[in-house]
Amino acid sequence: MRSTFDIIKRNQAHEIAAAFSFGRESVIPDMFRRLVSQLDINDLSAPRFIFYLDRHIQVDSEDHGPAAAKLIAELCNYEPVKIVEAERTAIEAIQARILFWDKVEEKL
């Protein structure tokens, strides 16, 4: 959360959109697909949980992800500096997400 709020404090819409898109919307479908395939559950043993995961996979891959990519492109408006800033922020958000999940794994 600290990383997310640091990005928000910079008050640059293209950076905020990049952080949310690449740090969340773009990674969730694949992350949840792997989770479903690795868990020993199905829609009979955990129907609500499987529905929740499947719904996120669908919405984020079909709607939110593409909409976020379009938003970033519009906010950057083909300006090289903004594109570089959005890319840098996306990497920052992804690195923060990796660090977060690495710490969760350590605790487990």
PDB file of N, CA and C in Angstrom:
ATOM      1  N   MET A   1       0.830  -1.193   0.000  1.00  0.00           N
ATOM      2  CA  MET A   1       0.000   0.000   0.000  1.00  0.00           C
ATOM      3  C   MET A   1       0.867   1.247   0.000  1.00  0.00           C
ATOM      4  N   ARG A   2       2.003   1.177   0.681  1.00  0.00           N
ATOM      5  CA  ARG A   2       2.884   2.340   0.736  1.00  0.00           C
ATOM      6  C   ARG A   2       3.317   2.749  -0.669  1.00  0.00           C
ATOM      7  N   SER A   3       3.689   1.773  -1.478  1.00  0.00           N
ATOM      8  CA  SER A   3       4.108   2.049  -2.853  1.00  0.00           C
ATOM      9  C   SER A   3       2.968   2.684  -3.651  1.00  0.00           C
ATOM     10  N   THR A   4       1.782   2.135  -3.517  1.00  0.00           N
ATOM     11  CA  THR A   4       0.626   2.674  -4.231  1.00  0.00           C
ATOM     12  C   THR A   4       0.370   4.121  -3.845  1.00  0.00           C
ATOM     13  N   PHE A   5       0.399   4.420  -2.552  1.00  0.00           N
ATOM     14  CA  PHE A   5       0.134   5.785  -2.117  1.00  0.00           C
ATOM     15  C   PHE A   5       1.272   6.738  -2.487  1.00  0.00           C
ATOM     16  N   ASP A   6       2.491   6.250  -2.546  1.00  0.00           N
ATOM     17  CA  ASP A   6       3.596   7.078  -3.030  1.00  0.00           C
ATOM     18  C   ASP A   6       3.368   7.478  -4.485  1.00  0.00           C
ATOM     19  N   ILE A   7       2.879   6.550  -5.271  1.00  0.00           N
ATOM     20  CA  ILE A   7       2.574   6.850  -6.679  1.00  0.00           C
ATOM     21  C   ILE A   7       1.412   7.831  -6.770  1.00  0.00           C
ATOM     22  N   ILE A   8       0.383   7.634  -5.980  1.00  0.00           N
ATOM     23  CA  ILE A   8      -0.772   8.541  -5.983  1.00  0.00           C
ATOM     24  C   ILE A   8      -0.342   9.959  -5.600  1.00  0.00           C
ATOM     25  N   LYS A   9       0.543  10.087  -4.635  1.00  0.00           N
ATOM     26  CA  LYS A   9       1.007  11.409  -4.187  1.00  0.00           C
ATOM     27  C   LYS A   9       1.725  12.176  -5.287  1.00  0.00           C
ATOM     28  N   ARG A  10       2.281  11.480  -6.277  1.00  0.00           N
ATOM     29  CA  ARG A  10       2.958  12.175  -7.384  1.00  0.00           C
ATOM     30  C   ARG A  10       1.954  12.925  -8.256  1.00  0.00           C
ATOM     31  N   ASN A  11       0.678  12.546  -8.153  1.00  0.00           N
ATOM     32  CA  ASN A  11      -0.419  13.257  -8.802  1.00  0.00           C
ATOM     33  C   ASN A  11      -0.284  13.324 -10.330  1.00  0.00           C
ATOM     34  N   GLN A  12       0.165  12.219 -10.914  1.00  0.00           N
ATOM     35  CA  GLN A  12       0.288  12.131 -12.375  1.00  0.00           C
ATOM     36  C   GLN A  12      -0.650  11.019 -12.854  1.00  0.00           C
ATOM     37  N   ALA A  13      -1.707  11.397 -13.541  1.00  0.00           N
ATOM     38  CA  ALA A  13      -2.749  10.441 -13.922  1.00  0.00           C
ATOM     39  C   ALA A  13      -2.193   9.267 -14.727  1.00  0.00           C
ATOM     40  N   HIS A  14      -1.269   9.525 -15.654  1.00  0.00           N
ATOM     41  CA  HIS A  14      -0.733   8.435 -16.475  1.00  0.00           C
ATOM     42  C   HIS A  14       0.078   7.448 -15.632  1.00  0.00           C
ATOM     43  N   GLU A  15       0.738   7.931 -14.585  1.00  0.00           N
ATOM     44  CA  GLU A  15       1.490   7.044 -13.694  1.00  0.00           C
ATOM     45  C   GLU A  15       0.542   6.241 -12.802  1.00  0.00           C
ATOM     46  N   ILE A  16      -0.475   6.881 -12.297  1.00  0.00           N
ATOM     47  CA  ILE A  16      -1.446   6.186 -11.443  1.00  0.00           C
ATOM     48  C   ILE A  16      -2.155   5.096 -12.246  1.00  0.00           C
ATOM     49  N   ALA A  17      -2.561   5.418 -13.459  1.00  0.00           N
ATOM     50  CA  ALA A  17      -3.221   4.420 -14.307  1.00  0.00           C
ATOM     51  C   ALA A  17      -2.283   3.254 -14.610  1.00  0.00           C
ATOM     52  N   ALA A  18      -1.015   3.545 -14.876  1.00  0.00           N
ATOM     53  CA  ALA A  18      -0.044   2.482 -15.162  1.00  0.00           C
ATOM     54  C   ALA A  18       0.147   1.586 -13.947  1.00  0.00           C
ATOM     55  N   ALA A  19       0.229   2.185 -12.780  1.00  0.00           N
ATOM     56  CA  ALA A  19       0.419   1.402 -11.552  1.00  0.00           C
ATOM     57  C   ALA A  19      -0.765   0.473 -11.311  1.00  0.00           C
ATOM     58  N   PHE A  20      -1.973   0.988 -11.453  1.00  0.00           N
ATOM     59  CA  PHE A  20      -3.145   0.155 -11.214  1.00  0.00           C
ATOM     60  C   PHE A  20      -3.317  -0.894 -12.311  1.00  0.00           C
ATOM     61  N   SER A  21      -3.042  -0.510 -13.534  1.00  0.00           N
ATOM     62  CA  SER A  21      -3.196  -1.467 -14.632  1.00  0.00           C
ATOM     63  C   SER A  21      -2.191  -2.599 -14.545  1.00  0.00           C
ATOM     64  N   PHE A  22      -0.922  -2.264 -14.492  1.00  0.00           N
ATOM     65  CA  PHE A  22       0.107  -3.297 -14.540  1.00  0.00           C
ATOM     66  C   PHE A  22       0.380  -3.931 -13.184  1.00  0.00           C
ATOM     67  N   GLY A  23       0.045  -3.249 -12.113  1.00  0.00           N
ATOM     68  CA  GLY A  23       0.233  -3.817 -10.785  1.00  0.00           C
ATOM     69  C   GLY A  23      -0.946  -4.632 -10.299  1.00  0.00           C
ATOM     70  N   ARG A  24      -2.084  -4.501 -11.000  1.00  0.00           N
ATOM     71  CA  ARG A  24      -3.285  -5.204 -10.554  1.00  0.00           C
ATOM     72  C   ARG A  24      -4.055  -5.832 -11.709  1.00  0.00           C
ATOM     73  N   GLU A  25      -4.692  -5.009 -12.515  1.00  0.00           N
ATOM     74  CA  GLU A  25      -5.609  -5.502 -13.546  1.00  0.00           C
ATOM     75  C   GLU A  25      -4.956  -6.490 -14.514  1.00  0.00           C
ATOM     76  N   SER A  26      -3.738  -6.230 -14.906  1.00  0.00           N
ATOM     77  CA  SER A  26      -3.080  -7.090 -15.901  1.00  0.00           C
ATOM     78  C   SER A  26      -2.576  -8.404 -15.318  1.00  0.00           C
ATOM     79  N   VAL A  27      -2.257  -8.419 -14.038  1.00  0.00           N
ATOM     80  CA  VAL A  27      -1.667  -9.628 -13.451  1.00  0.00           C
ATOM     81  C   VAL A  27      -2.692 -10.571 -12.834  1.00  0.00           C
ATOM     82  N   ILE A  28      -3.840 -10.063 -12.482  1.00  0.00           N
ATOM     83  CA  ILE A  28      -4.825 -10.874 -11.765  1.00  0.00           C
ATOM     84  C   ILE A  28      -5.325 -12.074 -12.566  1.00  0.00           C
ATOM     85  N   PRO A  29      -5.694 -11.923 -13.841  1.00  0.00           N
ATOM     86  CA  PRO A  29      -6.206 -13.108 -14.550  1.00  0.00           C
ATOM     87  C   PRO A  29      -5.233 -14.287 -14.547  1.00  0.00           C
ATOM     88  N   ASP A  30      -3.985 -14.064 -14.899  1.00  0.00           N
ATOM     89  CA  ASP A  30      -3.011 -15.169 -14.909  1.00  0.00           C
ATOM     90  C   ASP A  30      -2.734 -15.691 -13.507  1.00  0.00           C
ATOM     91  N   MET A  31      -2.669 -14.790 -12.538  1.00  0.00           N
ATOM     92  CA  MET A  31      -2.420 -15.198 -11.160  1.00  0.00           C
ATOM     93  C   MET A  31      -3.562 -16.104 -10.667  1.00  0.00           C
ATOM     94  N   PHE A  32      -4.798 -15.708 -10.945  1.00  0.00           N
ATOM     95  CA  PHE A  32      -5.939 -16.505 -10.500  1.00  0.00           C
ATOM     96  C   PHE A  32      -6.059 -17.802 -11.294  1.00  0.00           C
ATOM     97  N   ARG A  33      -5.714 -17.786 -12.578  1.00  0.00           N
ATOM     98  CA  ARG A  33      -5.734 -19.039 -13.362  1.00  0.00           C
ATOM     99  C   ARG A  33      -4.775 -20.059 -12.752  1.00  0.00           C
ATOM    100  N   ARG A  34      -3.568 -19.606 -12.415  1.00  0.00           N
ATOM    101  CA  ARG A  34      -2.587 -20.508 -11.788  1.00  0.00           C
ATOM    102  C   ARG A  34      -3.094 -21.001 -10.440  1.00  0.00           C
ATOM    103  N   LEU A  35      -3.704 -20.122  -9.685  1.00  0.00           N
ATOM    104  CA  LEU A  35      -4.236 -20.497  -8.379  1.00  0.00           C
ATOM    105  C   LEU A  35      -5.297 -21.579  -8.519  1.00  0.00           C
ATOM    106  N   VAL A  36      -6.222 -21.406  -9.440  1.00  0.00           N
ATOM    107  CA  VAL A  36      -7.281 -22.397  -9.656  1.00  0.00           C
ATOM    108  C   VAL A  36      -6.683 -23.736 -10.071  1.00  0.00           C
ATOM    109  N   SER A  37      -5.685 -23.709 -10.942  1.00  0.00           N
ATOM    110  CA  SER A  37      -5.103 -24.966 -11.416  1.00  0.00           C
ATOM    111  C   SER A  37      -4.289 -25.675 -10.333  1.00  0.00           C
ATOM    112  N   GLN A  38      -3.771 -24.932  -9.365  1.00  0.00           N
ATOM    113  CA  GLN A  38      -2.928 -25.531  -8.325  1.00  0.00           C
ATOM    114  C   GLN A  38      -3.709 -25.955  -7.089  1.00  0.00           C
ATOM    115  N   LEU A  39      -4.872 -25.393  -6.893  1.00  0.00           N
ATOM    116  CA  LEU A  39      -5.670 -25.747  -5.714  1.00  0.00           C
ATOM    117  C   LEU A  39      -6.389 -27.066  -5.940  1.00  0.00           C
ATOM    118  N   ASP A  40      -6.576 -27.774  -4.883  1.00  0.00           N
ATOM    119  CA  ASP A  40      -7.310 -29.037  -4.963  1.00  0.00           C
ATOM    120  C   ASP A  40      -8.779 -28.782  -4.627  1.00  0.00           C
ATOM    121  N   ILE A  41      -9.378 -27.860  -5.387  1.00  0.00           N
ATOM    122  CA  ILE A  41     -10.795 -27.535  -5.200  1.00  0.00           C
ATOM    123  C   ILE A  41     -11.436 -27.398  -6.576  1.00  0.00           C
ATOM    124  N   ASN A  42     -12.756 -27.427  -6.571  1.00  0.00           N
ATOM    125  CA  ASN A  42     -13.498 -27.232  -7.813  1.00  0.00           C
ATOM    126  C   ASN A  42     -14.818 -26.546  -7.480  1.00  0.00           C
ATOM    127  N   ASP A  43     -15.658 -26.382  -8.498  1.00  0.00           N
ATOM    128  CA  ASP A  43     -16.916 -25.678  -8.249  1.00  0.00           C
ATOM    129  C   ASP A  43     -17.920 -26.480  -7.427  1.00  0.00           C
ATOM    130  N   LEU A  44     -17.612 -27.733  -7.158  1.00  0.00           N
ATOM    131  CA  LEU A  44     -18.460 -28.510  -6.248  1.00  0.00           C
ATOM    132  C   LEU A  44     -17.994 -28.372  -4.799  1.00  0.00           C
ATOM    133  N   SER A  45     -16.700 -28.345  -4.579  1.00  0.00           N
ATOM    134  CA  SER A  45     -16.179 -28.270  -3.212  1.00  0.00           C
ATOM    135  C   SER A  45     -16.133 -26.836  -2.677  1.00  0.00           C
ATOM    136  N   ALA A  46     -15.968 -25.865  -3.566  1.00  0.00           N
ATOM    137  CA  ALA A  46     -15.897 -24.467  -3.135  1.00  0.00           C
ATOM    138  C   ALA A  46     -16.526 -23.575  -4.214  1.00  0.00           C
ATOM    139  N   PRO A  47     -17.824 -23.687  -4.404  1.00  0.00           N
ATOM    140  CA  PRO A  47     -18.460 -22.994  -5.533  1.00  0.00           C
ATOM    141  C   PRO A  47     -18.352 -21.470  -5.495  1.00  0.00           C
ATOM    142  N   ARG A  48     -18.500 -20.895  -4.338  1.00  0.00           N
ATOM    143  CA  ARG A  48     -18.428 -19.423  -4.250  1.00  0.00           C
ATOM    144  C   ARG A  48     -17.023 -18.917  -4.517  1.00  0.00           C
ATOM    145  N   PHE A  49     -16.024 -19.611  -3.995  1.00  0.00           N
ATOM    146  CA  PHE A  49     -14.636 -19.202  -4.202  1.00  0.00           C
ATOM    147  C   PHE A  49     -14.245 -19.351  -5.675  1.00  0.00           C
ATOM    148  N   ILE A  50     -14.617 -20.464  -6.281  1.00  0.00           N
ATOM    149  CA  ILE A  50     -14.322 -20.675  -7.706  1.00  0.00           C
ATOM    150  C   ILE A  50     -15.048 -19.629  -8.547  1.00  0.00           C
ATOM    151  N   PHE A  51     -16.296 -19.326  -8.204  1.00  0.00           N
ATOM    152  CA  PHE A  51     -17.030 -18.278  -8.925  1.00  0.00           C
ATOM    153  C   PHE A  51     -16.304 -16.945  -8.804  1.00  0.00           C
ATOM    154  N   TYR A  52     -15.868 -16.614  -7.599  1.00  0.00           N
ATOM    155  CA  TYR A  52     -15.143 -15.359  -7.358  1.00  0.00           C
ATOM    156  C   TYR A  52     -13.895 -15.288  -8.234  1.00  0.00           C
ATOM    157  N   LEU A  53     -13.098 -16.343  -8.230  1.00  0.00           N
ATOM    158  CA  LEU A  53     -11.873 -16.348  -9.021  1.00  0.00           C
ATOM    159  C   LEU A  53     -12.183 -16.283 -10.511  1.00  0.00           C
ATOM    160  N   ASP A  54     -13.116 -17.099 -10.965  1.00  0.00           N
ATOM    161  CA  ASP A  54     -13.479 -17.108 -12.389  1.00  0.00           C
ATOM    162  C   ASP A  54     -14.013 -15.755 -12.839  1.00  0.00           C
ATOM    163  N   ARG A  55     -14.806 -15.144 -11.989  1.00  0.00           N
ATOM    164  CA  ARG A  55     -15.379 -13.826 -12.335  1.00  0.00           C
ATOM    165  C   ARG A  55     -14.277 -12.790 -12.482  1.00  0.00           C
ATOM    166  N   HIS A  56     -13.304 -12.794 -11.568  1.00  0.00           N
ATOM    167  CA  HIS A  56     -12.178 -11.853 -11.680  1.00  0.00           C
ATOM    168  C   HIS A  56     -11.362 -12.125 -12.943  1.00  0.00           C
ATOM    169  N   ILE A  57     -11.155 -13.375 -13.246  1.00  0.00           N
ATOM    170  CA  ILE A  57     -10.419 -13.724 -14.466  1.00  0.00           C
ATOM    171  C   ILE A  57     -11.145 -13.145 -15.681  1.00  0.00           C
ATOM    172  N   GLN A  58     -12.437 -13.356 -15.739  1.00  0.00           N
ATOM    173  CA  GLN A  58     -13.218 -12.889 -16.880  1.00  0.00           C
ATOM    174  C   GLN A  58     -13.239 -11.363 -16.974  1.00  0.00           C
ATOM    175  N   VAL A  59     -13.622 -10.706 -15.906  1.00  0.00           N
ATOM    176  CA  VAL A  59     -13.783  -9.250 -15.945  1.00  0.00           C
ATOM    177  C   VAL A  59     -12.442  -8.552 -16.179  1.00  0.00           C
ATOM    178  N   ASP A  60     -11.404  -8.998 -15.482  1.00  0.00           N
ATOM    179  CA  ASP A  60     -10.119  -8.323 -15.631  1.00  0.00           C
ATOM    180  C   ASP A  60      -9.487  -8.580 -16.995  1.00  0.00           C
ATOM    181  N   SER A  61      -9.666  -9.768 -17.545  1.00  0.00           N
ATOM    182  CA  SER A  61      -9.049 -10.043 -18.844  1.00  0.00           C
ATOM    183  C   SER A  61      -9.872  -9.479 -20.005  1.00  0.00           C
ATOM    184  N   GLU A  62     -11.190  -9.451 -19.877  1.00  0.00           N
ATOM    185  CA  GLU A  62     -12.036  -9.009 -20.991  1.00  0.00           C
ATOM    186  C   GLU A  62     -12.404  -7.530 -20.937  1.00  0.00           C
ATOM    187  N   ASP A  63     -12.518  -6.968 -19.748  1.00  0.00           N
ATOM    188  CA  ASP A  63     -12.992  -5.589 -19.628  1.00  0.00           C
ATOM    189  C   ASP A  63     -11.955  -4.647 -19.004  1.00  0.00           C
ATOM    190  N   HIS A  64     -11.616  -4.906 -17.753  1.00  0.00           N
ATOM    191  CA  HIS A  64     -10.760  -3.974 -17.026  1.00  0.00           C
ATOM    192  C   HIS A  64      -9.369  -3.837 -17.624  1.00  0.00           C
ATOM    193  N   GLY A  65      -8.732  -4.947 -17.978  1.00  0.00           N
ATOM    194  CA  GLY A  65      -7.383  -4.896 -18.542  1.00  0.00           C
ATOM    195  C   GLY A  65      -7.322  -4.092 -19.831  1.00  0.00           C
ATOM    196  N   PRO A  66      -8.153  -4.431 -20.830  1.00  0.00           N
ATOM    197  CA  PRO A  66      -8.149  -3.653 -22.073  1.00  0.00           C
ATOM    198  C   PRO A  66      -8.535  -2.175 -21.865  1.00  0.00           C
ATOM    199  N   ALA A  67      -9.494  -1.924 -20.980  1.00  0.00           N
ATOM    200  CA  ALA A  67      -9.894  -0.535 -20.715  1.00  0.00           C
ATOM    201  C   ALA A  67      -8.744   0.238 -20.062  1.00  0.00           C
ATOM    202  N   ALA A  68      -8.015  -0.416 -19.163  1.00  0.00           N
ATOM    203  CA  ALA A  68      -6.880   0.241 -18.509  1.00  0.00           C
ATOM    204  C   ALA A  68      -5.778   0.546 -19.514  1.00  0.00           C
ATOM    205  N   ALA A  69      -5.516  -0.375 -20.426  1.00  0.00           N
ATOM    206  CA  ALA A  69      -4.492  -0.146 -21.456  1.00  0.00           C
ATOM    207  C   ALA A  69      -4.880   1.037 -22.338  1.00  0.00           C
ATOM    208  N   LYS A  70      -6.140   1.115 -22.704  1.00  0.00           N
ATOM    209  CA  LYS A  70      -6.631   2.235 -23.527  1.00  0.00           C
ATOM    210  C   LYS A  70      -6.498   3.551 -22.760  1.00  0.00           C
ATOM    211  N   LEU A  71      -6.834   3.523 -21.475  1.00  0.00           N
ATOM    212  CA  LEU A  71      -6.729   4.726 -20.645  1.00  0.00           C
ATOM    213  C   LEU A  71      -5.283   5.215 -20.580  1.00  0.00           C
ATOM    214  N   ILE A  72      -4.348   4.302 -20.378  1.00  0.00           N
ATOM    215  CA  ILE A  72      -2.934   4.684 -20.308  1.00  0.00           C
ATOM    216  C   ILE A  72      -2.498   5.315 -21.625  1.00  0.00           C
ATOM    217  N   ALA A  73      -2.877   4.701 -22.736  1.00  0.00           N
ATOM    218  CA  ALA A  73      -2.508   5.251 -24.051  1.00  0.00           C
ATOM    219  C   ALA A  73      -3.064   6.663 -24.227  1.00  0.00           C
ATOM    220  N   GLU A  74      -4.305   6.860 -23.822  1.00  0.00           N
ATOM    221  CA  GLU A  74      -4.911   8.195 -23.954  1.00  0.00           C
ATOM    222  C   GLU A  74      -4.247   9.208 -23.024  1.00  0.00           C
ATOM    223  N   LEU A  75      -3.918   8.791 -21.809  1.00  0.00           N
ATOM    224  CA  LEU A  75      -3.281   9.712 -20.865  1.00  0.00           C
ATOM    225  C   LEU A  75      -1.858  10.077 -21.292  1.00  0.00           C
ATOM    226  N   CYS A  76      -1.172   9.131 -21.909  1.00  0.00           N
ATOM    227  CA  CYS A  76       0.194   9.405 -22.387  1.00  0.00           C
ATOM    228  C   CYS A  76       0.181  10.214 -23.678  1.00  0.00           C
ATOM    229  N   ASN A  77      -0.858  10.072 -24.475  1.00  0.00           N
ATOM    230  CA  ASN A  77      -1.054  10.871 -25.678  1.00  0.00           C
ATOM    231  C   ASN A  77       0.181  10.908 -26.585  1.00  0.00           C
ATOM    232  N   TYR A  78       0.843   9.773 -26.718  1.00  0.00           N
ATOM    233  CA  TYR A  78       2.037   9.633 -27.579  1.00  0.00           C
ATOM    234  C   TYR A  78       3.199  10.539 -27.166  1.00  0.00           C
ATOM    235  N   GLU A  79       3.174  11.029 -25.943  1.00  0.00           N
ATOM    236  CA  GLU A  79       4.270  11.870 -25.452  1.00  0.00           C
ATOM    237  C   GLU A  79       5.360  10.969 -24.883  1.00  0.00           C
ATOM    238  N   PRO A  80       6.560  10.988 -25.472  1.00  0.00           N
ATOM    239  CA  PRO A  80       7.634  10.082 -25.048  1.00  0.00           C
ATOM    240  C   PRO A  80       7.943  10.143 -23.557  1.00  0.00           C
ATOM    241  N   VAL A  81       7.949  11.325 -22.981  1.00  0.00           N
ATOM    242  CA  VAL A  81       8.262  11.447 -21.553  1.00  0.00           C
ATOM    243  C   VAL A  81       7.201  10.742 -20.718  1.00  0.00           C
ATOM    244  N   LYS A  82       5.944  10.943 -21.051  1.00  0.00           N
ATOM    245  CA  LYS A  82       4.862  10.292 -20.299  1.00  0.00           C
ATOM    246  C   LYS A  82       4.899   8.771 -20.483  1.00  0.00           C
ATOM    247  N   ILE A  83       5.230   8.315 -21.672  1.00  0.00           N
ATOM    248  CA  ILE A  83       5.320   6.878 -21.918  1.00  0.00           C
ATOM    249  C   ILE A  83       6.415   6.265 -21.052  1.00  0.00           C
ATOM    250  N   VAL A  84       7.570   6.925 -20.977  1.00  0.00           N
ATOM    251  CA  VAL A  84       8.673   6.442 -20.143  1.00  0.00           C
ATOM    252  C   VAL A  84       8.267   6.465 -18.670  1.00  0.00           C
ATOM    253  N   GLU A  85       7.601   7.529 -18.239  1.00  0.00           N
ATOM    254  CA  GLU A  85       7.161   7.618 -16.842  1.00  0.00           C
ATOM    255  C   GLU A  85       6.142   6.530 -16.513  1.00  0.00           C
ATOM    256  N   ALA A  86       5.216   6.279 -17.430  1.00  0.00           N
ATOM    257  CA  ALA A  86       4.218   5.225 -17.207  1.00  0.00           C
ATOM    258  C   ALA A  86       4.894   3.863 -17.139  1.00  0.00           C
ATOM    259  N   GLU A  87       5.847   3.629 -18.021  1.00  0.00           N
ATOM    260  CA  GLU A  87       6.571   2.356 -18.008  1.00  0.00           C
ATOM    261  C   GLU A  87       7.352   2.184 -16.707  1.00  0.00           C
ATOM    262  N   ARG A  88       8.040   3.224 -16.281  1.00  0.00           N
ATOM    263  CA  ARG A  88       8.807   3.179 -15.034  1.00  0.00           C
ATOM    264  C   ARG A  88       7.889   2.904 -13.845  1.00  0.00           C
ATOM    265  N   THR A  89       6.742   3.542 -13.840  1.00  0.00           N
ATOM    266  CA  THR A  89       5.787   3.356 -12.744  1.00  0.00           C
ATOM    267  C   THR A  89       5.188   1.959 -12.769  1.00  0.00           C
ATOM    268  N   ALA A  90       4.920   1.427 -13.965  1.00  0.00           N
ATOM    269  CA  ALA A  90       4.411   0.055 -14.079  1.00  0.00           C
ATOM    270  C   ALA A  90       5.413  -0.924 -13.481  1.00  0.00           C
ATOM    271  N   ILE A  91       6.681  -0.745 -13.802  1.00  0.00           N
ATOM    272  CA  ILE A  91       7.727  -1.620 -13.257  1.00  0.00           C
ATOM    273  C   ILE A  91       7.792  -1.485 -11.741  1.00  0.00           C
ATOM    274  N   GLU A  92       7.702  -0.261 -11.252  1.00  0.00           N
ATOM    275  CA  GLU A  92       7.696  -0.005  -9.802  1.00  0.00           C
ATOM    276  C   GLU A  92       6.530  -0.734  -9.131  1.00  0.00           C
ATOM    277  N   ALA A  93       5.356  -0.671  -9.737  1.00  0.00           N
ATOM    278  CA  ALA A  93       4.171  -1.327  -9.171  1.00  0.00           C
ATOM    279  C   ALA A  93       4.320  -2.841  -9.193  1.00  0.00           C
ATOM    280  N   ILE A  94       4.851  -3.375 -10.273  1.00  0.00           N
ATOM    281  CA  ILE A  94       5.055  -4.825 -10.373  1.00  0.00           C
ATOM    282  C   ILE A  94       6.073  -5.293  -9.340  1.00  0.00           C
ATOM    283  N   GLN A  95       7.154  -4.538  -9.178  1.00  0.00           N
ATOM    284  CA  GLN A  95       8.161  -4.904  -8.179  1.00  0.00           C
ATOM    285  C   GLN A  95       7.580  -4.865  -6.773  1.00  0.00           C
ATOM    286  N   ALA A  96       6.734  -3.895  -6.493  1.00  0.00           N
ATOM    287  CA  ALA A  96       6.087  -3.825  -5.176  1.00  0.00           C
ATOM    288  C   ALA A  96       5.163  -5.021  -4.971  1.00  0.00           C
ATOM    289  N   ARG A  97       4.439  -5.429  -6.018  1.00  0.00           N
ATOM    290  CA  ARG A  97       3.549  -6.587  -5.919  1.00  0.00           C
ATOM    291  C   ARG A  97       4.355  -7.857  -5.668  1.00  0.00           C
ATOM    292  N   ILE A  98       5.479  -8.017  -6.369  1.00  0.00           N
ATOM    293  CA  ILE A  98       6.341  -9.190  -6.174  1.00  0.00           C
ATOM    294  C   ILE A  98       6.863  -9.218  -4.741  1.00  0.00           C
ATOM    295  N   LEU A  99       7.325  -8.081  -4.250  1.00  0.00           N
ATOM    296  CA  LEU A  99       7.829  -8.006  -2.874  1.00  0.00           C
ATOM    297  C   LEU A  99       6.730  -8.375  -1.881  1.00  0.00           C
ATOM    298  N   PHE A 100       5.534  -7.860  -2.104  1.00  0.00           N
ATOM    299  CA  PHE A 100       4.402  -8.169  -1.233  1.00  0.00           C
ATOM    300  C   PHE A 100       4.157  -9.672  -1.169  1.00  0.00           C
ATOM    301  N   TRP A 101       4.041 -10.328  -2.336  1.00  0.00           N
ATOM    302  CA  TRP A 101       3.740 -11.755  -2.349  1.00  0.00           C
ATOM    303  C   TRP A 101       4.917 -12.594  -1.838  1.00  0.00           C
ATOM    304  N   ASP A 102       6.131 -12.124  -2.050  1.00  0.00           N
ATOM    305  CA  ASP A 102       7.285 -12.822  -1.469  1.00  0.00           C
ATOM    306  C   ASP A 102       7.214 -12.803   0.059  1.00  0.00           C
ATOM    307  N   LYS A 103       6.809 -11.683   0.624  1.00  0.00           N
ATOM    308  CA  LYS A 103       6.674 -11.580   2.080  1.00  0.00           C
ATOM    309  C   LYS A 103       5.519 -12.447   2.585  1.00  0.00           C
ATOM    310  N   VAL A 104       4.430 -12.483   1.838  1.00  0.00           N
ATOM    311  CA  VAL A 104       3.317 -13.366   2.223  1.00  0.00           C
ATOM    312  C   VAL A 104       3.783 -14.811   2.223  1.00  0.00           C
ATOM    313  N   GLU A 105       4.512 -15.200   1.193  1.00  0.00           N
ATOM    314  CA  GLU A 105       5.022 -16.578   1.111  1.00  0.00           C
ATOM    315  C   GLU A 105       5.958 -16.895   2.276  1.00  0.00           C
ATOM    316  N   GLU A 106       6.794 -15.944   2.652  1.00  0.00           N
ATOM    317  CA  GLU A 106       7.679 -16.157   3.805  1.00  0.00           C
ATOM    318  C   GLU A 106       6.880 -16.443   5.072  1.00  0.00           C
ATOM    319  N   LYS A 107       5.792 -15.737   5.251  1.00  0.00           N
ATOM    320  CA  LYS A 107       4.974 -15.903   6.456  1.00  0.00           C
ATOM    321  C   LYS A 107       4.231 -17.232   6.459  1.00  0.00           C
ATOM    322  N   LEU A 108       3.920 -17.724   5.277  1.00  0.00           N
ATOM    323  CA  LEU A 108       3.217 -19.001   5.206  1.00  0.00           C
ATOM    324  C   LEU A 108       4.160 -20.149   5.472  1.00  0.00           C
TER     325      LEU A 108
END
